[in-house]
């Protein structure tokens, strides 16, 4: 993976974590821990090639669903 691609992935993931945090009234740190625990980050990383072609809101919705399926409770 090139440095540019790595930077793009990191920027995308940071954006998604921030939007997830805002949508669920969490701090970014709490959102990161939640997403890590309930496999949302793994999903986003594994499915980056598809997810980054869609809206960030779609990625947030998809991560929310993955977390719910893995036991994460969201308000």
Protein backbone atom coordinates (compact mmCIF):
# COMPACT_ATOMS: atom_id res chain seq x y z
CA UNK A 1 0.00 0.00 0.00
CA UNK A 2 1.37 3.39 -0.93
CA UNK A 3 1.85 6.17 1.58
CA UNK A 4 -0.89 8.16 -0.16
CA UNK A 5 -3.38 5.31 0.08
CA UNK A 6 -2.54 4.79 3.74
CA UNK A 7 -3.07 8.50 4.43
CA UNK A 8 -6.40 8.39 2.58
CA UNK A 9 -7.54 5.40 4.64
CA UNK A 10 -6.54 7.05 7.90
CA UNK A 11 -8.27 10.30 6.98
CA UNK A 12 -11.42 8.43 5.98
CA UNK A 13 -11.50 6.40 9.19
CA UNK A 14 -10.95 9.50 11.35
CA UNK A 15 -13.81 11.23 9.54
CA UNK A 16 -16.10 8.23 10.02
CA UNK A 17 -15.24 7.94 13.71
CA UNK A 18 -15.92 11.65 14.20
CA UNK A 19 -19.28 11.45 12.44
CA UNK A 20 -20.19 8.29 14.36
CA UNK A 21 -19.34 10.09 17.60
CA UNK A 22 -21.46 13.11 16.69
CA UNK A 23 -24.43 10.98 15.61
CA UNK A 24 -24.40 8.98 18.83
CA UNK A 25 -23.53 11.85 21.22
CA UNK A 26 -20.14 10.39 22.14
CA UNK A 27 -16.70 11.89 22.33
CA UNK A 28 -14.38 10.70 19.56
CA UNK A 29 -12.36 8.72 22.14
CA UNK A 30 -15.46 6.93 23.42
CA UNK A 31 -16.64 6.29 19.85
CA UNK A 32 -13.24 4.83 18.93
CA UNK A 33 -13.31 2.48 21.94
CA UNK A 34 -16.90 1.45 21.17
CA UNK A 35 -16.15 0.82 17.50
CA UNK A 36 -13.02 -1.16 18.38
CA UNK A 37 -14.85 -3.29 20.95
CA UNK A 38 -17.85 -4.09 18.77
CA UNK A 39 -15.98 -4.63 15.48
CA UNK A 40 -17.06 -1.44 13.71
CA UNK A 41 -13.46 -0.44 13.00
CA UNK A 42 -12.57 -3.89 11.73
CA UNK A 43 -15.56 -3.73 9.40
CA UNK A 44 -14.60 -0.31 8.11
CA UNK A 45 -11.02 -1.38 7.51
CA UNK A 46 -11.96 -4.69 5.89
CA UNK A 47 -14.62 -3.10 3.66
CA UNK A 48 -12.78 0.15 2.91
CA UNK A 49 -12.67 -0.49 -0.83
CA UNK A 50 -16.46 -0.43 -1.00
CA UNK A 51 -17.35 1.84 1.91
CA UNK A 52 -15.23 4.79 0.81
CA UNK A 53 -17.12 4.96 -2.49
CA UNK A 54 -20.32 5.73 -0.60
CA UNK A 55 -21.29 8.58 1.70
CA UNK A 56 -19.76 8.86 5.15
CA UNK A 57 -23.32 8.63 6.53
CA UNK A 58 -23.69 5.23 4.88
CA UNK A 59 -20.45 4.09 6.51
CA UNK A 60 -21.66 5.37 9.90
CA UNK A 61 -24.96 3.54 9.45
CA UNK A 62 -23.14 0.36 8.42
CA UNK A 63 -20.75 0.57 11.40
CA UNK A 64 -23.72 1.12 13.72
CA UNK A 65 -25.39 -2.01 12.38
CA UNK A 66 -22.21 -4.09 12.71
CA UNK A 67 -21.78 -2.92 16.31
CA UNK A 68 -25.40 -3.76 17.15
CA UNK A 69 -24.96 -7.25 15.68
CA UNK A 70 -21.89 -7.69 17.89
CA UNK A 71 -23.62 -6.65 21.13
CA UNK A 72 -23.09 -2.89 21.05
CA UNK A 73 -26.07 -0.97 22.37
CA UNK A 74 -26.68 2.42 20.80
CA UNK A 75 -29.23 4.99 21.96
